[in-house]
N, C-alpha and C. Protein backbone atom coordinates (compact mmCIF):
# COMPACT_ATOMS: atom_id res chain seq x y z
N MET A 1 86.10 113.81 78.54
CA MET A 1 85.44 114.35 79.72
C MET A 1 86.11 113.81 81.00
N HIS A 2 86.49 112.54 80.97
CA HIS A 2 87.13 111.92 82.13
C HIS A 2 88.44 112.64 82.48
N LYS A 3 89.19 112.99 81.45
CA LYS A 3 90.47 113.67 81.67
C LYS A 3 90.25 115.07 82.26
N ASP A 4 89.20 115.74 81.84
CA ASP A 4 88.89 117.07 82.38
C ASP A 4 88.57 116.99 83.87
N VAL A 5 87.78 116.02 84.24
CA VAL A 5 87.44 115.83 85.65
C VAL A 5 88.69 115.50 86.45
N HIS A 6 89.56 114.69 85.87
CA HIS A 6 90.82 114.34 86.53
C HIS A 6 91.66 115.58 86.82
N HIS A 7 91.79 116.46 85.83
CA HIS A 7 92.55 117.70 86.02
C HIS A 7 91.92 118.59 87.09
N LEU A 8 90.61 118.71 87.05
CA LEU A 8 89.93 119.56 88.03
C LEU A 8 90.05 119.02 89.45
N VAL A 9 89.94 117.71 89.59
CA VAL A 9 90.07 117.10 90.92
C VAL A 9 91.49 117.27 91.45
N LEU A 10 92.48 117.06 90.60
CA LEU A 10 93.87 117.25 91.03
C LEU A 10 94.12 118.69 91.45
N SER A 11 93.61 119.63 90.69
CA SER A 11 93.79 121.04 91.06
C SER A 11 93.12 121.34 92.39
N ALA A 12 91.93 120.80 92.60
CA ALA A 12 91.23 121.02 93.87
C ALA A 12 92.00 120.41 95.03
N ILE A 13 92.55 119.23 94.83
CA ILE A 13 93.34 118.59 95.89
C ILE A 13 94.59 119.41 96.19
N PHE A 14 95.25 119.90 95.15
CA PHE A 14 96.45 120.73 95.35
C PHE A 14 96.11 122.01 96.11
N PHE A 15 94.99 122.65 95.75
CA PHE A 15 94.59 123.86 96.46
C PHE A 15 94.24 123.55 97.92
N LEU A 16 93.59 122.42 98.17
CA LEU A 16 93.27 122.06 99.55
C LEU A 16 94.53 121.79 100.37
N LEU A 17 95.49 121.09 99.78
CA LEU A 17 96.75 120.85 100.48
C LEU A 17 97.50 122.15 100.75
N ALA A 18 97.47 123.06 99.79
CA ALA A 18 98.10 124.37 100.00
C ALA A 18 97.40 125.12 101.13
N ASN A 19 96.09 124.98 101.20
CA ASN A 19 95.33 125.63 102.27
C ASN A 19 95.73 125.07 103.64
N ILE A 20 95.94 123.77 103.72
CA ILE A 20 96.40 123.16 104.98
C ILE A 20 97.78 123.70 105.35
N GLN A 21 98.66 123.79 104.37
CA GLN A 21 100.00 124.30 104.63
C GLN A 21 99.96 125.76 105.10
N ILE A 22 99.11 126.56 104.48
CA ILE A 22 98.98 127.96 104.89
C ILE A 22 98.35 128.05 106.28
N GLY A 23 97.40 127.17 106.57
CA GLY A 23 96.80 127.14 107.91
C GLY A 23 97.81 126.83 108.99
N ILE A 24 98.69 125.89 108.72
CA ILE A 24 99.75 125.57 109.69
C ILE A 24 100.72 126.74 109.81
N SER A 25 100.98 127.39 108.70
CA SER A 25 101.84 128.58 108.73
C SER A 25 101.23 129.66 109.62
N ARG A 26 99.93 129.87 109.50
CA ARG A 26 99.26 130.87 110.34
C ARG A 26 99.27 130.46 111.81
N LEU A 27 99.13 129.16 112.07
CA LEU A 27 99.19 128.66 113.43
C LEU A 27 100.57 128.93 114.04
N LEU A 28 101.60 128.72 113.26
CA LEU A 28 102.96 128.94 113.75
C LEU A 28 103.24 130.43 114.01
N VAL A 29 102.60 131.30 113.24
CA VAL A 29 102.74 132.73 113.52
C VAL A 29 102.15 133.05 114.88
N SER A 30 100.99 132.43 115.18
CA SER A 30 100.38 132.68 116.49
C SER A 30 101.19 132.08 117.62
N MET A 31 102.05 131.10 117.31
CA MET A 31 102.93 130.49 118.31
C MET A 31 104.28 131.20 118.38
N ASN A 32 104.42 132.31 117.65
CA ASN A 32 105.65 133.10 117.61
C ASN A 32 106.84 132.33 117.04
N ASP A 33 106.59 131.50 116.04
CA ASP A 33 107.66 130.78 115.35
C ASP A 33 107.63 131.21 113.88
N GLU A 34 108.14 132.39 113.63
CA GLU A 34 108.04 132.97 112.29
C GLU A 34 108.94 132.27 111.28
N GLN A 35 110.04 131.72 111.71
CA GLN A 35 110.93 131.03 110.78
C GLN A 35 110.25 129.79 110.20
N ALA A 36 109.67 128.97 111.07
CA ALA A 36 108.96 127.78 110.58
C ALA A 36 107.72 128.18 109.79
N SER A 37 107.07 129.27 110.20
CA SER A 37 105.90 129.75 109.49
C SER A 37 106.25 130.12 108.05
N ARG A 38 107.39 130.78 107.88
CA ARG A 38 107.83 131.14 106.52
C ARG A 38 108.10 129.91 105.68
N LYS A 39 108.71 128.90 106.29
CA LYS A 39 109.01 127.67 105.54
C LYS A 39 107.72 127.02 105.05
N PHE A 40 106.71 126.92 105.92
CA PHE A 40 105.45 126.34 105.51
C PHE A 40 104.78 127.17 104.43
N PHE A 41 104.87 128.49 104.57
CA PHE A 41 104.27 129.36 103.56
C PHE A 41 104.97 129.19 102.21
N HIS A 42 106.29 129.09 102.22
CA HIS A 42 107.03 128.94 100.96
C HIS A 42 106.70 127.63 100.27
N ILE A 43 106.57 126.55 101.03
CA ILE A 43 106.22 125.29 100.37
C ILE A 43 104.77 125.29 99.88
N SER A 44 103.92 126.09 100.52
CA SER A 44 102.54 126.19 100.03
C SER A 44 102.50 126.90 98.68
N ILE A 45 103.44 127.79 98.43
CA ILE A 45 103.50 128.46 97.13
C ILE A 45 103.79 127.45 96.02
N PHE A 46 104.65 126.47 96.29
CA PHE A 46 104.91 125.42 95.31
C PHE A 46 103.63 124.63 95.00
N MET A 47 102.84 124.36 96.03
CA MET A 47 101.60 123.61 95.82
C MET A 47 100.59 124.44 95.03
N ILE A 48 100.51 125.72 95.32
CA ILE A 48 99.60 126.59 94.57
C ILE A 48 100.03 126.67 93.11
N CYS A 49 101.32 126.76 92.87
CA CYS A 49 101.82 126.77 91.49
C CYS A 49 101.47 125.47 90.77
N ALA A 50 101.58 124.35 91.48
CA ALA A 50 101.21 123.06 90.89
C ALA A 50 99.74 123.04 90.50
N ALA A 51 98.89 123.61 91.35
CA ALA A 51 97.45 123.64 91.05
C ALA A 51 97.16 124.53 89.85
N ILE A 52 97.81 125.68 89.79
CA ILE A 52 97.57 126.59 88.66
C ILE A 52 98.10 125.99 87.36
N ILE A 53 99.27 125.38 87.41
CA ILE A 53 99.82 124.74 86.22
C ILE A 53 98.90 123.62 85.75
N ASN A 54 98.29 122.91 86.69
CA ASN A 54 97.36 121.85 86.33
C ASN A 54 96.13 122.41 85.63
N LEU A 55 95.66 123.57 86.04
CA LEU A 55 94.53 124.22 85.36
C LEU A 55 94.92 124.70 83.96
N VAL A 56 96.15 125.20 83.82
CA VAL A 56 96.64 125.59 82.49
C VAL A 56 96.74 124.36 81.60
N ASP A 57 97.19 123.26 82.18
CA ASP A 57 97.28 122.00 81.45
C ASP A 57 95.89 121.55 80.97
N LEU A 58 94.89 121.74 81.81
CA LEU A 58 93.51 121.41 81.41
C LEU A 58 93.07 122.25 80.22
N LYS A 59 93.33 123.54 80.27
CA LYS A 59 92.94 124.43 79.18
C LYS A 59 93.67 124.05 77.89
N LEU A 60 94.95 123.73 78.01
CA LEU A 60 95.72 123.31 76.84
C LEU A 60 95.19 122.00 76.28
N ASP A 61 94.79 121.10 77.14
CA ASP A 61 94.21 119.84 76.70
C ASP A 61 92.91 120.07 75.94
N ARG A 62 92.08 120.98 76.43
CA ARG A 62 90.83 121.31 75.73
C ARG A 62 91.12 121.91 74.35
N PHE A 63 92.16 122.76 74.28
CA PHE A 63 92.55 123.36 73.01
C PHE A 63 93.06 122.28 72.05
N LEU A 64 93.83 121.33 72.58
CA LEU A 64 94.37 120.26 71.74
C LEU A 64 93.27 119.35 71.19
N SER A 65 92.24 119.12 71.98
CA SER A 65 91.15 118.26 71.49
C SER A 65 90.44 118.91 70.30
N GLY A 66 90.37 120.22 70.28
CA GLY A 66 89.79 120.90 69.13
C GLY A 66 90.73 120.97 67.95
N LEU A 67 92.02 120.94 68.21
CA LEU A 67 93.03 121.04 67.16
C LEU A 67 93.30 119.69 66.50
N ALA A 68 92.93 118.61 67.14
CA ALA A 68 93.25 117.27 66.63
C ALA A 68 92.56 116.98 65.31
N ASP A 69 91.41 117.57 65.06
CA ASP A 69 90.67 117.29 63.84
C ASP A 69 91.20 118.04 62.62
N GLU A 70 91.97 119.08 62.86
CA GLU A 70 92.46 119.90 61.76
C GLU A 70 93.80 119.41 61.25
N SER A 71 94.37 120.13 60.31
CA SER A 71 95.60 119.67 59.65
C SER A 71 96.87 120.28 60.25
N PHE A 72 96.82 120.72 61.48
CA PHE A 72 98.00 121.29 62.13
C PHE A 72 98.73 120.22 62.93
N VAL A 73 99.30 119.27 62.24
CA VAL A 73 99.93 118.12 62.88
C VAL A 73 101.14 118.54 63.71
N TYR A 74 101.98 119.41 63.18
CA TYR A 74 103.20 119.80 63.89
C TYR A 74 102.87 120.65 65.12
N VAL A 75 101.90 121.53 64.99
CA VAL A 75 101.49 122.34 66.13
C VAL A 75 100.87 121.44 67.20
N TYR A 76 100.09 120.46 66.76
CA TYR A 76 99.47 119.52 67.69
C TYR A 76 100.53 118.74 68.45
N ARG A 77 101.55 118.27 67.75
CA ARG A 77 102.62 117.52 68.41
C ARG A 77 103.40 118.39 69.38
N LEU A 78 103.72 119.61 68.97
CA LEU A 78 104.45 120.52 69.83
C LEU A 78 103.65 120.84 71.10
N LEU A 79 102.38 121.14 70.94
CA LEU A 79 101.54 121.45 72.09
C LEU A 79 101.31 120.22 72.98
N SER A 80 101.31 119.04 72.38
CA SER A 80 101.19 117.82 73.18
C SER A 80 102.42 117.62 74.06
N ILE A 81 103.59 117.95 73.52
CA ILE A 81 104.81 117.86 74.31
C ILE A 81 104.79 118.89 75.43
N VAL A 82 104.33 120.11 75.12
CA VAL A 82 104.23 121.15 76.13
C VAL A 82 103.24 120.73 77.22
N GLU A 83 102.13 120.13 76.82
CA GLU A 83 101.14 119.67 77.80
C GLU A 83 101.73 118.60 78.71
N PHE A 84 102.49 117.67 78.13
CA PHE A 84 103.14 116.64 78.92
C PHE A 84 104.12 117.24 79.91
N MET A 85 104.90 118.23 79.44
CA MET A 85 105.88 118.88 80.32
C MET A 85 105.18 119.64 81.45
N LEU A 86 104.06 120.28 81.17
CA LEU A 86 103.31 120.99 82.22
C LEU A 86 102.77 120.01 83.26
N GLY A 87 102.25 118.89 82.81
CA GLY A 87 101.75 117.88 83.74
C GLY A 87 102.87 117.33 84.61
N THR A 88 104.01 117.11 84.00
CA THR A 88 105.17 116.62 84.74
C THR A 88 105.65 117.66 85.76
N LEU A 89 105.71 118.90 85.34
CA LEU A 89 106.13 119.98 86.24
C LEU A 89 105.16 120.12 87.41
N SER A 90 103.89 120.04 87.13
CA SER A 90 102.88 120.12 88.19
C SER A 90 103.06 119.00 89.21
N THR A 91 103.29 117.81 88.73
CA THR A 91 103.49 116.67 89.62
C THR A 91 104.77 116.81 90.45
N ILE A 92 105.82 117.30 89.83
CA ILE A 92 107.09 117.49 90.55
C ILE A 92 106.94 118.56 91.63
N LEU A 93 106.29 119.67 91.30
CA LEU A 93 106.09 120.73 92.29
C LEU A 93 105.25 120.26 93.47
N ALA A 94 104.17 119.54 93.18
CA ALA A 94 103.31 119.03 94.25
C ALA A 94 104.06 118.01 95.10
N GLY A 95 104.83 117.14 94.46
CA GLY A 95 105.60 116.15 95.20
C GLY A 95 106.65 116.78 96.08
N TYR A 96 107.33 117.79 95.55
CA TYR A 96 108.34 118.50 96.34
C TYR A 96 107.69 119.18 97.55
N SER A 97 106.56 119.83 97.30
CA SER A 97 105.87 120.53 98.38
C SER A 97 105.42 119.56 99.48
N LEU A 98 104.88 118.42 99.08
CA LEU A 98 104.45 117.42 100.08
C LEU A 98 105.63 116.84 100.84
N ASP A 99 106.72 116.58 100.12
CA ASP A 99 107.91 116.04 100.78
C ASP A 99 108.43 117.01 101.83
N ARG A 100 108.59 118.27 101.47
CA ARG A 100 109.05 119.28 102.43
C ARG A 100 108.05 119.46 103.56
N PHE A 101 106.75 119.36 103.25
CA PHE A 101 105.71 119.50 104.26
C PHE A 101 105.85 118.42 105.33
N PHE A 102 106.03 117.18 104.90
CA PHE A 102 106.17 116.09 105.88
C PHE A 102 107.45 116.21 106.69
N VAL A 103 108.53 116.65 106.04
CA VAL A 103 109.79 116.85 106.77
C VAL A 103 109.63 117.95 107.82
N LEU A 104 108.99 119.05 107.44
CA LEU A 104 108.78 120.15 108.38
C LEU A 104 107.84 119.76 109.52
N ILE A 105 106.80 118.99 109.20
CA ILE A 105 105.88 118.53 110.25
C ILE A 105 106.63 117.63 111.24
N LYS A 106 107.45 116.74 110.71
CA LYS A 106 108.22 115.84 111.57
C LYS A 106 109.17 116.63 112.46
N THR A 107 109.87 117.60 111.88
CA THR A 107 110.80 118.42 112.65
C THR A 107 110.07 119.24 113.71
N LYS A 108 108.97 119.84 113.33
CA LYS A 108 108.22 120.68 114.27
C LYS A 108 107.61 119.84 115.39
N SER A 109 107.13 118.64 115.08
CA SER A 109 106.55 117.79 116.14
C SER A 109 107.63 117.35 117.12
N ARG A 110 108.84 117.10 116.64
CA ARG A 110 109.95 116.77 117.54
C ARG A 110 110.29 117.95 118.44
N ASP A 111 110.27 119.16 117.85
CA ASP A 111 110.56 120.36 118.64
C ASP A 111 109.52 120.59 119.72
N LEU A 112 108.27 120.32 119.40
CA LEU A 112 107.19 120.55 120.36
C LEU A 112 107.18 119.50 121.49
N VAL A 113 107.53 118.26 121.14
CA VAL A 113 107.52 117.18 122.14
C VAL A 113 108.77 117.26 123.01
N GLY A 114 109.91 117.45 122.37
CA GLY A 114 111.17 117.41 123.12
C GLY A 114 111.65 118.73 123.40
């Protein structure tokens, strides 16, 4: 149960961060900076993908917990590896999105100040 809550909270955080990125993208459209707006929108897609992959990982984890009691050892191991890879991919996508987000915020704040 703890792991399920962990997956749901991470997905919610990823969706909230994507919402912030999309909000800034919409703000930049109103400021007539469509190039920067597109960049923020594109990095928000990475965050949304991370959130969706995390939800798929949760569903796969639930499936694996039901499969652990049966005699499908090889399928269980294969799906466990897939689950690990999905979790890793989700973390990489979210990290990339946040890294680009901070770089773009820093660049945009310099442009606005100077």
